[in-house]
């Protein structure tokens, strides 16, 4: 694996994390308590789509090399943690303003 592909795998992992969290956020925002059946299907369908997408990215990286897979996985997990940390700080700041 050459040094030019490493940033591409990092971007792919980070982009996958952004897609994962934004689609999860959208699914949660789209559920409605008055429609439990359709909400359940929305959440389950979104979960399956996210898992298939992540699996395809990981499989593609694994076919390229084990190092590419490790880079994609590491950047995916680090990006998810960073995004969740940012969202948590925003959520806490909004809650402090409302009190």
N, C-alpha and C. Protein backbone atom coordinates (compact mmCIF):
# COMPACT_ATOMS: atom_id res chain seq x y z
N UNK A 1 0.86 -1.17 0.00
CA UNK A 1 0.00 0.00 0.00
C UNK A 1 0.90 1.23 0.00
N UNK A 2 0.63 2.14 -0.94
CA UNK A 2 1.46 3.33 -1.03
C UNK A 2 0.87 4.47 -0.18
N UNK A 3 1.67 5.49 0.00
CA UNK A 3 1.28 6.59 0.88
C UNK A 3 0.15 7.44 0.32
N UNK A 4 -0.14 7.33 -0.97
CA UNK A 4 -1.22 8.12 -1.55
C UNK A 4 -2.60 7.55 -1.23
N UNK A 5 -2.68 6.26 -1.00
CA UNK A 5 -3.99 5.66 -0.72
C UNK A 5 -4.39 5.77 0.74
N UNK A 6 -3.44 5.99 1.63
CA UNK A 6 -3.76 6.07 3.06
C UNK A 6 -4.76 7.19 3.35
N UNK A 7 -4.55 8.43 2.84
CA UNK A 7 -5.57 9.47 3.10
C UNK A 7 -6.94 9.12 2.51
N UNK A 8 -6.96 8.41 1.40
CA UNK A 8 -8.24 8.01 0.82
C UNK A 8 -8.99 7.05 1.73
N UNK A 9 -8.28 6.11 2.34
CA UNK A 9 -8.92 5.17 3.27
C UNK A 9 -9.37 5.88 4.53
N UNK A 10 -8.59 6.87 4.98
CA UNK A 10 -8.99 7.64 6.17
C UNK A 10 -10.27 8.43 5.86
N UNK A 11 -10.31 9.07 4.70
CA UNK A 11 -11.50 9.84 4.31
C UNK A 11 -12.70 8.92 4.15
N UNK A 12 -12.49 7.74 3.58
CA UNK A 12 -13.59 6.78 3.42
C UNK A 12 -14.13 6.34 4.78
N UNK A 13 -13.26 6.07 5.73
CA UNK A 13 -13.70 5.68 7.07
C UNK A 13 -14.43 6.80 7.78
N UNK A 14 -13.91 8.02 7.68
CA UNK A 14 -14.56 9.17 8.33
C UNK A 14 -15.90 9.47 7.65
N UNK A 15 -15.93 9.39 6.33
CA UNK A 15 -17.18 9.62 5.61
C UNK A 15 -18.24 8.59 5.95
N UNK A 16 -17.82 7.36 6.14
CA UNK A 16 -18.75 6.31 6.54
C UNK A 16 -19.31 6.60 7.93
N UNK A 17 -18.48 7.10 8.82
CA UNK A 17 -18.95 7.45 10.16
C UNK A 17 -19.97 8.58 10.11
N UNK A 18 -19.71 9.59 9.28
CA UNK A 18 -20.66 10.70 9.14
C UNK A 18 -21.98 10.18 8.58
N UNK A 19 -21.90 9.35 7.53
CA UNK A 19 -23.12 8.77 6.95
C UNK A 19 -23.88 7.96 7.99
N UNK A 20 -23.17 7.15 8.74
CA UNK A 20 -23.78 6.29 9.76
C UNK A 20 -24.55 7.13 10.79
N UNK A 21 -23.89 8.14 11.34
CA UNK A 21 -24.51 8.92 12.40
C UNK A 21 -25.63 9.82 11.88
N UNK A 22 -25.44 10.42 10.71
CA UNK A 22 -26.49 11.27 10.17
C UNK A 22 -27.73 10.46 9.79
N UNK A 23 -27.54 9.28 9.23
CA UNK A 23 -28.70 8.46 8.88
C UNK A 23 -29.38 7.93 10.13
N UNK A 24 -28.61 7.65 11.16
CA UNK A 24 -29.20 7.21 12.42
C UNK A 24 -29.99 8.36 13.05
N UNK A 25 -29.44 9.56 13.02
CA UNK A 25 -30.13 10.73 13.55
C UNK A 25 -31.43 10.96 12.78
N UNK A 26 -31.37 10.85 11.45
CA UNK A 26 -32.56 11.06 10.63
C UNK A 26 -33.63 10.03 10.97
N UNK A 27 -33.23 8.77 11.15
CA UNK A 27 -34.20 7.72 11.49
C UNK A 27 -34.89 8.01 12.81
N UNK A 28 -34.13 8.44 13.79
CA UNK A 28 -34.72 8.74 15.11
C UNK A 28 -35.65 9.94 15.01
N UNK A 29 -35.28 10.94 14.24
CA UNK A 29 -36.13 12.12 14.10
C UNK A 29 -37.40 11.83 13.30
N UNK A 30 -37.39 10.79 12.47
CA UNK A 30 -38.54 10.47 11.63
C UNK A 30 -39.56 9.58 12.31
N UNK A 31 -39.21 8.95 13.43
CA UNK A 31 -40.19 8.09 14.09
C UNK A 31 -41.28 8.94 14.73
N UNK A 32 -42.45 8.33 14.85
CA UNK A 32 -43.59 9.04 15.40
C UNK A 32 -44.32 8.12 16.37
N UNK A 33 -44.61 8.60 17.59
CA UNK A 33 -45.24 7.73 18.58
C UNK A 33 -46.64 7.25 18.20
N UNK A 34 -47.31 7.98 17.33
CA UNK A 34 -48.65 7.56 16.92
C UNK A 34 -48.63 6.51 15.83
N UNK A 35 -47.47 6.25 15.26
CA UNK A 35 -47.33 5.24 14.21
C UNK A 35 -46.23 4.25 14.60
N UNK A 36 -46.47 3.41 15.61
CA UNK A 36 -45.41 2.52 16.09
C UNK A 36 -44.98 1.48 15.06
N UNK A 37 -45.92 0.99 14.27
CA UNK A 37 -45.58 -0.06 13.29
C UNK A 37 -44.65 0.48 12.21
N UNK A 38 -45.00 1.62 11.62
CA UNK A 38 -44.14 2.18 10.58
C UNK A 38 -42.83 2.70 11.16
N UNK A 39 -42.85 3.18 12.40
CA UNK A 39 -41.62 3.63 13.04
C UNK A 39 -40.66 2.46 13.27
N UNK A 40 -41.24 1.32 13.66
CA UNK A 40 -40.41 0.13 13.89
C UNK A 40 -39.75 -0.30 12.58
N UNK A 41 -40.51 -0.30 11.49
CA UNK A 41 -39.94 -0.69 10.19
C UNK A 41 -38.89 0.31 9.71
N UNK A 42 -39.11 1.57 10.00
CA UNK A 42 -38.15 2.59 9.61
C UNK A 42 -36.82 2.38 10.33
N UNK A 43 -36.88 2.13 11.62
CA UNK A 43 -35.66 1.92 12.40
C UNK A 43 -34.95 0.63 11.96
N UNK A 44 -35.70 -0.46 11.80
CA UNK A 44 -35.09 -1.73 11.39
C UNK A 44 -34.51 -1.64 9.98
N UNK A 45 -35.26 -1.02 9.06
CA UNK A 45 -34.76 -0.87 7.70
C UNK A 45 -33.53 0.00 7.63
N UNK A 46 -33.52 1.09 8.39
CA UNK A 46 -32.34 1.96 8.43
C UNK A 46 -31.13 1.25 9.00
N UNK A 47 -31.36 0.45 10.03
CA UNK A 47 -30.26 -0.31 10.63
C UNK A 47 -29.66 -1.29 9.63
N UNK A 48 -30.51 -1.99 8.92
CA UNK A 48 -30.02 -2.96 7.92
C UNK A 48 -29.25 -2.25 6.81
N UNK A 49 -29.77 -1.13 6.34
CA UNK A 49 -29.08 -0.39 5.28
C UNK A 49 -27.72 0.10 5.77
N UNK A 50 -27.65 0.64 6.99
CA UNK A 50 -26.37 1.10 7.54
C UNK A 50 -25.38 -0.05 7.68
N UNK A 51 -25.84 -1.18 8.19
CA UNK A 51 -24.94 -2.32 8.38
C UNK A 51 -24.43 -2.88 7.04
N UNK A 52 -25.29 -2.94 6.05
CA UNK A 52 -24.87 -3.41 4.72
C UNK A 52 -23.85 -2.45 4.13
N UNK A 53 -24.11 -1.15 4.24
CA UNK A 53 -23.18 -0.14 3.70
C UNK A 53 -21.82 -0.25 4.37
N UNK A 54 -21.80 -0.35 5.69
CA UNK A 54 -20.53 -0.46 6.42
C UNK A 54 -19.82 -1.76 6.06
N UNK A 55 -20.57 -2.85 5.96
CA UNK A 55 -19.97 -4.13 5.59
C UNK A 55 -19.33 -4.05 4.20
N UNK A 56 -20.00 -3.41 3.25
CA UNK A 56 -19.43 -3.28 1.90
C UNK A 56 -18.14 -2.47 1.91
N UNK A 57 -18.11 -1.40 2.69
CA UNK A 57 -16.90 -0.58 2.80
C UNK A 57 -15.77 -1.41 3.42
N UNK A 58 -16.06 -2.12 4.49
CA UNK A 58 -15.04 -2.92 5.15
C UNK A 58 -14.56 -4.07 4.26
N UNK A 59 -15.47 -4.68 3.54
CA UNK A 59 -15.09 -5.78 2.63
C UNK A 59 -14.20 -5.25 1.51
N UNK A 60 -14.57 -4.10 0.95
CA UNK A 60 -13.75 -3.51 -0.12
C UNK A 60 -12.35 -3.18 0.39
N UNK A 61 -12.26 -2.61 1.59
CA UNK A 61 -10.96 -2.30 2.16
C UNK A 61 -10.19 -3.58 2.46
N UNK A 62 -10.87 -4.61 2.94
CA UNK A 62 -10.22 -5.88 3.24
C UNK A 62 -9.68 -6.57 2.00
N UNK A 63 -10.40 -6.43 0.87
CA UNK A 63 -9.88 -7.00 -0.38
C UNK A 63 -8.64 -6.27 -0.85
N UNK A 64 -8.56 -4.97 -0.54
CA UNK A 64 -7.39 -4.20 -0.95
C UNK A 64 -6.18 -4.62 -0.13
N UNK A 65 -6.29 -4.56 1.19
CA UNK A 65 -5.23 -5.04 2.09
C UNK A 65 -5.75 -5.00 3.52
N UNK A 66 -5.10 -5.74 4.37
CA UNK A 66 -5.49 -5.76 5.79
C UNK A 66 -5.18 -4.40 6.42
N UNK A 67 -4.13 -3.73 5.96
CA UNK A 67 -3.80 -2.41 6.49
C UNK A 67 -4.88 -1.39 6.12
N UNK A 68 -5.40 -1.49 4.90
CA UNK A 68 -6.48 -0.60 4.49
C UNK A 68 -7.70 -0.83 5.37
N UNK A 69 -8.00 -2.07 5.67
CA UNK A 69 -9.13 -2.38 6.54
C UNK A 69 -8.93 -1.80 7.93
N UNK A 70 -7.73 -1.93 8.47
CA UNK A 70 -7.45 -1.38 9.79
C UNK A 70 -7.53 0.15 9.80
N UNK A 71 -7.07 0.77 8.72
CA UNK A 71 -7.13 2.23 8.62
C UNK A 71 -8.58 2.69 8.54
N UNK A 72 -9.37 2.03 7.70
CA UNK A 72 -10.79 2.40 7.55
C UNK A 72 -11.51 2.21 8.88
N UNK A 73 -11.28 1.08 9.53
CA UNK A 73 -11.95 0.82 10.80
C UNK A 73 -11.52 1.84 11.86
N UNK A 74 -10.24 2.11 11.94
CA UNK A 74 -9.75 3.07 12.95
C UNK A 74 -10.30 4.47 12.71
N UNK A 75 -10.28 4.91 11.46
CA UNK A 75 -10.80 6.25 11.18
C UNK A 75 -12.32 6.30 11.37
N UNK A 76 -13.01 5.20 11.07
CA UNK A 76 -14.46 5.13 11.31
C UNK A 76 -14.76 5.28 12.80
N UNK A 77 -14.08 4.51 13.63
CA UNK A 77 -14.35 4.56 15.07
C UNK A 77 -13.92 5.89 15.68
N UNK A 78 -12.76 6.41 15.30
CA UNK A 78 -12.29 7.69 15.84
C UNK A 78 -13.22 8.82 15.42
N UNK A 79 -13.66 8.82 14.18
CA UNK A 79 -14.57 9.86 13.71
C UNK A 79 -15.91 9.78 14.43
N UNK A 80 -16.43 8.59 14.62
CA UNK A 80 -17.70 8.43 15.35
C UNK A 80 -17.57 8.98 16.76
N UNK A 81 -16.49 8.64 17.44
CA UNK A 81 -16.31 9.13 18.81
C UNK A 81 -16.17 10.64 18.85
N UNK A 82 -15.44 11.22 17.90
CA UNK A 82 -15.27 12.67 17.85
C UNK A 82 -16.60 13.37 17.56
N UNK A 83 -17.36 12.86 16.61
CA UNK A 83 -18.66 13.46 16.28
C UNK A 83 -19.60 13.36 17.48
N UNK A 84 -19.65 12.21 18.12
CA UNK A 84 -20.52 12.05 19.29
C UNK A 84 -20.10 12.97 20.43
N UNK A 85 -18.80 13.18 20.61
CA UNK A 85 -18.32 14.09 21.64
C UNK A 85 -18.77 15.52 21.34
N UNK A 86 -18.66 15.93 20.09
CA UNK A 86 -19.09 17.27 19.68
C UNK A 86 -20.59 17.42 19.89
N UNK A 87 -21.37 16.44 19.47
CA UNK A 87 -22.82 16.49 19.64
C UNK A 87 -23.20 16.54 21.12
N UNK A 88 -22.48 15.80 21.95
CA UNK A 88 -22.79 15.79 23.38
C UNK A 88 -22.53 17.16 23.98
N UNK A 89 -21.42 17.79 23.62
CA UNK A 89 -21.13 19.13 24.14
C UNK A 89 -22.19 20.14 23.70
N UNK A 90 -22.64 20.04 22.45
CA UNK A 90 -23.70 20.92 21.96
C UNK A 90 -25.00 20.69 22.72
N UNK A 91 -25.33 19.42 22.93
CA UNK A 91 -26.56 19.08 23.64
C UNK A 91 -26.52 19.60 25.08
N UNK A 92 -25.39 19.45 25.74
CA UNK A 92 -25.26 19.93 27.11
C UNK A 92 -25.33 21.46 27.15
N UNK A 93 -24.74 22.13 26.16
CA UNK A 93 -24.80 23.60 26.13
C UNK A 93 -26.23 24.07 25.90
N UNK A 94 -26.97 23.39 25.04
CA UNK A 94 -28.37 23.77 24.80
C UNK A 94 -29.22 23.53 26.03
N UNK A 95 -28.95 22.45 26.76
CA UNK A 95 -29.73 22.18 27.98
C UNK A 95 -29.43 23.19 29.07
N UNK A 96 -28.19 23.67 29.17
CA UNK A 96 -27.86 24.68 30.16
C UNK A 96 -28.56 26.00 29.85
N UNK A 97 -28.71 26.33 28.59
CA UNK A 97 -29.39 27.57 28.20
C UNK A 97 -30.88 27.52 28.55
N UNK A 98 -31.48 26.34 28.46
CA UNK A 98 -32.91 26.23 28.72
C UNK A 98 -33.24 26.24 30.22
N UNK A 99 -32.26 26.01 31.07
CA UNK A 99 -32.52 25.99 32.52
C UNK A 99 -32.34 27.33 33.08
